[in-house]
Amino acid sequence: MNEQIRIRLDKGLIKEATSVCREIGITPATAVSMFFAQMVKLRGLPFRPTDFPALDEYGVTLAQATAVEDNALAEIAADRKAGKLTVFTGKL
């Protein structure tokens, strides 16, 4: 049985998150469901809250972390343009 929840979030955040969901082939509802499922499985947040996870986790500089992120985004965009990305079905 599905349950509906109502939450208030920043409009800009919703817009950006919805765009990311569209890029990876899932709906925002699926993303929230995945987040909740991981939270239940781990009995906590599925990530460590921090401003710069790459810096804390891997000891890299902000410039290095940004370069890696920019490169990864470029690769994802190229794969999307080439039709290489698989649409997520919602099943893990």
N, C-alpha and C. Protein backbone atom coordinates (compact mmCIF):
# COMPACT_ATOMS: atom_id res chain seq x y z
N MET A 1 0.85 -1.17 0.00
CA MET A 1 0.00 0.00 0.00
C MET A 1 0.90 1.24 0.00
N ASN A 2 0.64 2.17 -0.88
CA ASN A 2 1.40 3.40 -0.96
C ASN A 2 0.82 4.45 -0.04
N GLU A 3 1.69 5.28 0.47
CA GLU A 3 1.29 6.37 1.37
C GLU A 3 1.79 7.67 0.75
N GLN A 4 1.01 8.70 0.82
CA GLN A 4 1.41 10.00 0.30
C GLN A 4 1.97 10.84 1.45
N ILE A 5 3.10 11.51 1.19
CA ILE A 5 3.66 12.43 2.19
C ILE A 5 3.77 13.82 1.56
N ARG A 6 3.72 14.83 2.39
CA ARG A 6 3.86 16.21 1.92
C ARG A 6 5.04 16.83 2.66
N ILE A 7 5.96 17.39 1.89
CA ILE A 7 7.11 18.07 2.48
C ILE A 7 7.32 19.39 1.74
N ARG A 8 7.91 20.32 2.44
CA ARG A 8 8.23 21.61 1.82
C ARG A 8 9.73 21.66 1.55
N LEU A 9 10.07 21.92 0.28
CA LEU A 9 11.46 22.04 -0.14
C LEU A 9 11.63 23.30 -0.98
N ASP A 10 12.86 23.77 -1.05
CA ASP A 10 13.19 24.93 -1.87
C ASP A 10 12.86 24.63 -3.34
N LYS A 11 12.18 25.57 -4.02
CA LYS A 11 11.79 25.38 -5.42
C LYS A 11 12.98 25.11 -6.32
N GLY A 12 14.08 25.83 -6.08
CA GLY A 12 15.27 25.64 -6.89
C GLY A 12 15.85 24.23 -6.73
N LEU A 13 15.84 23.75 -5.50
CA LEU A 13 16.33 22.40 -5.23
C LEU A 13 15.46 21.36 -5.93
N ILE A 14 14.15 21.54 -5.88
CA ILE A 14 13.23 20.61 -6.54
C ILE A 14 13.49 20.60 -8.05
N LYS A 15 13.65 21.80 -8.62
CA LYS A 15 13.88 21.90 -10.07
C LYS A 15 15.17 21.18 -10.46
N GLU A 16 16.25 21.42 -9.71
CA GLU A 16 17.52 20.78 -10.03
C GLU A 16 17.46 19.27 -9.83
N ALA A 17 16.85 18.83 -8.74
CA ALA A 17 16.75 17.40 -8.46
C ALA A 17 15.88 16.70 -9.51
N THR A 18 14.81 17.34 -9.92
CA THR A 18 13.95 16.77 -10.96
C THR A 18 14.71 16.62 -12.26
N SER A 19 15.55 17.61 -12.57
CA SER A 19 16.38 17.54 -13.78
C SER A 19 17.36 16.37 -13.70
N VAL A 20 17.97 16.19 -12.54
CA VAL A 20 18.90 15.07 -12.37
C VAL A 20 18.15 13.74 -12.52
N CYS A 21 16.98 13.65 -11.92
CA CYS A 21 16.17 12.42 -12.03
C CYS A 21 15.87 12.13 -13.49
N ARG A 22 15.48 13.14 -14.23
CA ARG A 22 15.17 12.97 -15.65
C ARG A 22 16.41 12.47 -16.39
N GLU A 23 17.57 13.03 -16.08
CA GLU A 23 18.82 12.64 -16.74
C GLU A 23 19.16 11.17 -16.49
N ILE A 24 18.87 10.68 -15.30
CA ILE A 24 19.23 9.29 -14.99
C ILE A 24 18.07 8.32 -15.18
N GLY A 25 16.94 8.84 -15.66
CA GLY A 25 15.83 7.98 -16.04
C GLY A 25 14.93 7.50 -14.92
N ILE A 26 14.80 8.30 -13.85
CA ILE A 26 13.89 7.94 -12.77
C ILE A 26 13.01 9.14 -12.45
N THR A 27 11.95 8.89 -11.70
CA THR A 27 11.08 9.98 -11.26
C THR A 27 11.56 10.45 -9.88
N PRO A 28 11.19 11.67 -9.50
CA PRO A 28 11.52 12.12 -8.15
C PRO A 28 10.94 11.19 -7.08
N ALA A 29 9.74 10.66 -7.31
CA ALA A 29 9.14 9.74 -6.34
C ALA A 29 9.99 8.48 -6.18
N THR A 30 10.53 7.97 -7.30
CA THR A 30 11.41 6.80 -7.23
C THR A 30 12.68 7.14 -6.46
N ALA A 31 13.22 8.32 -6.70
CA ALA A 31 14.44 8.74 -6.00
C ALA A 31 14.20 8.80 -4.49
N VAL A 32 13.08 9.37 -4.09
CA VAL A 32 12.77 9.46 -2.65
C VAL A 32 12.55 8.06 -2.08
N SER A 33 11.87 7.20 -2.83
CA SER A 33 11.66 5.82 -2.37
C SER A 33 12.99 5.09 -2.20
N MET A 34 13.91 5.31 -3.15
CA MET A 34 15.24 4.68 -3.05
C MET A 34 15.98 5.20 -1.82
N PHE A 35 15.90 6.51 -1.60
CA PHE A 35 16.54 7.11 -0.44
C PHE A 35 15.99 6.51 0.85
N PHE A 36 14.65 6.45 0.96
CA PHE A 36 14.02 5.89 2.16
C PHE A 36 14.41 4.43 2.35
N ALA A 37 14.43 3.65 1.25
CA ALA A 37 14.78 2.23 1.35
C ALA A 37 16.20 2.06 1.88
N GLN A 38 17.13 2.87 1.40
CA GLN A 38 18.51 2.79 1.89
C GLN A 38 18.61 3.24 3.34
N MET A 39 17.85 4.26 3.70
CA MET A 39 17.86 4.74 5.08
C MET A 39 17.37 3.65 6.03
N VAL A 40 16.33 2.93 5.64
CA VAL A 40 15.81 1.84 6.46
C VAL A 40 16.82 0.71 6.53
N LYS A 41 17.39 0.35 5.39
CA LYS A 41 18.36 -0.74 5.34
C LYS A 41 19.58 -0.46 6.22
N LEU A 42 20.07 0.77 6.16
CA LEU A 42 21.28 1.15 6.91
C LEU A 42 20.98 1.63 8.33
N ARG A 43 19.69 1.87 8.62
CA ARG A 43 19.27 2.41 9.92
C ARG A 43 19.92 3.77 10.16
N GLY A 44 20.04 4.56 9.10
CA GLY A 44 20.63 5.89 9.17
C GLY A 44 20.67 6.49 7.77
N LEU A 45 21.31 7.62 7.63
CA LEU A 45 21.42 8.25 6.32
C LEU A 45 22.36 7.44 5.43
N PRO A 46 22.06 7.33 4.13
CA PRO A 46 22.92 6.55 3.24
C PRO A 46 24.15 7.32 2.75
N PHE A 47 24.53 8.34 3.47
CA PHE A 47 25.73 9.12 3.17
C PHE A 47 26.13 9.86 4.44
N ARG A 48 27.35 10.34 4.47
CA ARG A 48 27.80 11.12 5.61
C ARG A 48 27.62 12.60 5.29
N PRO A 49 26.76 13.31 6.00
CA PRO A 49 26.53 14.72 5.70
C PRO A 49 27.81 15.54 5.85
N THR A 50 28.18 16.24 4.80
CA THR A 50 29.35 17.10 4.80
C THR A 50 29.27 18.05 3.61
N ASP A 51 29.93 19.17 3.69
CA ASP A 51 29.96 20.10 2.57
C ASP A 51 30.80 19.58 1.41
N PHE A 52 31.89 18.91 1.74
CA PHE A 52 32.81 18.43 0.72
C PHE A 52 33.17 16.97 0.97
N PRO A 53 32.29 16.04 0.57
CA PRO A 53 32.56 14.64 0.89
C PRO A 53 33.88 14.13 0.30
N ALA A 54 34.24 14.58 -0.89
CA ALA A 54 35.48 14.10 -1.48
C ALA A 54 36.68 14.54 -0.64
N LEU A 55 36.61 15.74 -0.08
CA LEU A 55 37.71 16.23 0.73
C LEU A 55 37.84 15.44 2.02
N ASP A 56 36.72 15.20 2.68
CA ASP A 56 36.73 14.47 3.95
C ASP A 56 37.06 12.99 3.75
N GLU A 57 36.47 12.39 2.74
CA GLU A 57 36.61 10.95 2.55
C GLU A 57 37.95 10.57 1.94
N TYR A 58 38.42 11.37 0.97
CA TYR A 58 39.58 10.96 0.19
C TYR A 58 40.79 11.87 0.31
N GLY A 59 40.66 12.95 1.04
CA GLY A 59 41.80 13.83 1.26
C GLY A 59 42.29 14.54 0.02
N VAL A 60 41.38 14.91 -0.90
CA VAL A 60 41.79 15.65 -2.09
C VAL A 60 41.48 17.12 -1.91
N THR A 61 42.07 17.93 -2.77
CA THR A 61 41.79 19.37 -2.70
C THR A 61 40.45 19.66 -3.36
N LEU A 62 39.91 20.83 -3.07
CA LEU A 62 38.66 21.24 -3.69
C LEU A 62 38.81 21.31 -5.21
N ALA A 63 39.94 21.81 -5.68
CA ALA A 63 40.17 21.90 -7.13
C ALA A 63 40.17 20.51 -7.76
N GLN A 64 40.80 19.54 -7.09
CA GLN A 64 40.82 18.18 -7.61
C GLN A 64 39.41 17.58 -7.63
N ALA A 65 38.67 17.80 -6.57
CA ALA A 65 37.30 17.27 -6.50
C ALA A 65 36.43 17.88 -7.59
N THR A 66 36.58 19.18 -7.82
CA THR A 66 35.80 19.86 -8.84
C THR A 66 36.17 19.35 -10.23
N ALA A 67 37.46 19.13 -10.48
CA ALA A 67 37.91 18.62 -11.78
C ALA A 67 37.34 17.23 -12.04
N VAL A 68 37.34 16.39 -11.02
CA VAL A 68 36.78 15.03 -11.17
C VAL A 68 35.28 15.11 -11.46
N GLU A 69 34.58 15.98 -10.73
CA GLU A 69 33.14 16.13 -10.94
C GLU A 69 32.85 16.63 -12.34
N ASP A 70 33.60 17.65 -12.79
CA ASP A 70 33.39 18.20 -14.13
C ASP A 70 33.63 17.13 -15.20
N ASN A 71 34.68 16.32 -15.02
CA ASN A 71 34.99 15.26 -15.97
C ASN A 71 33.88 14.20 -15.98
N ALA A 72 33.39 13.83 -14.80
CA ALA A 72 32.33 12.83 -14.71
C ALA A 72 31.07 13.33 -15.38
N LEU A 73 30.72 14.60 -15.16
CA LEU A 73 29.52 15.17 -15.79
C LEU A 73 29.67 15.21 -17.31
N ALA A 74 30.88 15.51 -17.79
CA ALA A 74 31.13 15.53 -19.23
C ALA A 74 30.97 14.13 -19.81
N GLU A 75 31.45 13.12 -19.09
CA GLU A 75 31.32 11.73 -19.56
C GLU A 75 29.86 11.31 -19.59
N ILE A 76 29.09 11.66 -18.56
CA ILE A 76 27.67 11.32 -18.53
C ILE A 76 26.94 12.00 -19.69
N ALA A 77 27.24 13.27 -19.94
CA ALA A 77 26.60 13.99 -21.04
C ALA A 77 26.94 13.35 -22.38
N ALA A 78 28.20 12.94 -22.56
CA ALA A 78 28.61 12.29 -23.81
C ALA A 78 27.91 10.94 -23.98
N ASP A 79 27.83 10.17 -22.89
CA ASP A 79 27.13 8.88 -22.95
C ASP A 79 25.65 9.07 -23.26
N ARG A 80 25.03 10.09 -22.65
CA ARG A 80 23.61 10.35 -22.89
C ARG A 80 23.41 10.71 -24.36
N LYS A 81 24.29 11.57 -24.89
CA LYS A 81 24.18 12.00 -26.29
C LYS A 81 24.38 10.81 -27.23
N ALA A 82 25.26 9.89 -26.87
CA ALA A 82 25.55 8.72 -27.71
C ALA A 82 24.53 7.60 -27.50
N GLY A 83 23.54 7.82 -26.61
CA GLY A 83 22.52 6.80 -26.37
C GLY A 83 23.03 5.61 -25.58
N LYS A 84 24.08 5.79 -24.79
CA LYS A 84 24.69 4.69 -24.04
C LYS A 84 24.11 4.51 -22.64
N LEU A 85 23.29 5.46 -22.18
CA LEU A 85 22.74 5.34 -20.83
C LEU A 85 21.51 4.45 -20.83
N THR A 86 21.41 3.62 -19.82
CA THR A 86 20.26 2.74 -19.64
C THR A 86 19.27 3.41 -18.71
N VAL A 87 18.01 3.39 -19.08
CA VAL A 87 16.97 3.98 -18.23
C VAL A 87 16.75 3.08 -17.04
N PHE A 88 16.76 3.66 -15.85
CA PHE A 88 16.55 2.90 -14.62
C PHE A 88 15.09 2.49 -14.53
N THR A 89 14.85 1.21 -14.25
CA THR A 89 13.48 0.67 -14.22
C THR A 89 12.83 0.81 -12.85
N GLY A 90 13.60 1.19 -11.84
CA GLY A 90 13.05 1.30 -10.49
C GLY A 90 13.27 0.05 -9.68
N LYS A 91 13.84 -0.99 -10.29
CA LYS A 91 14.11 -2.23 -9.58
C LYS A 91 15.59 -2.32 -9.26
N LEU A 92 15.89 -2.56 -8.01
CA LEU A 92 17.29 -2.68 -7.59
C LEU A 92 17.72 -4.11 -7.55
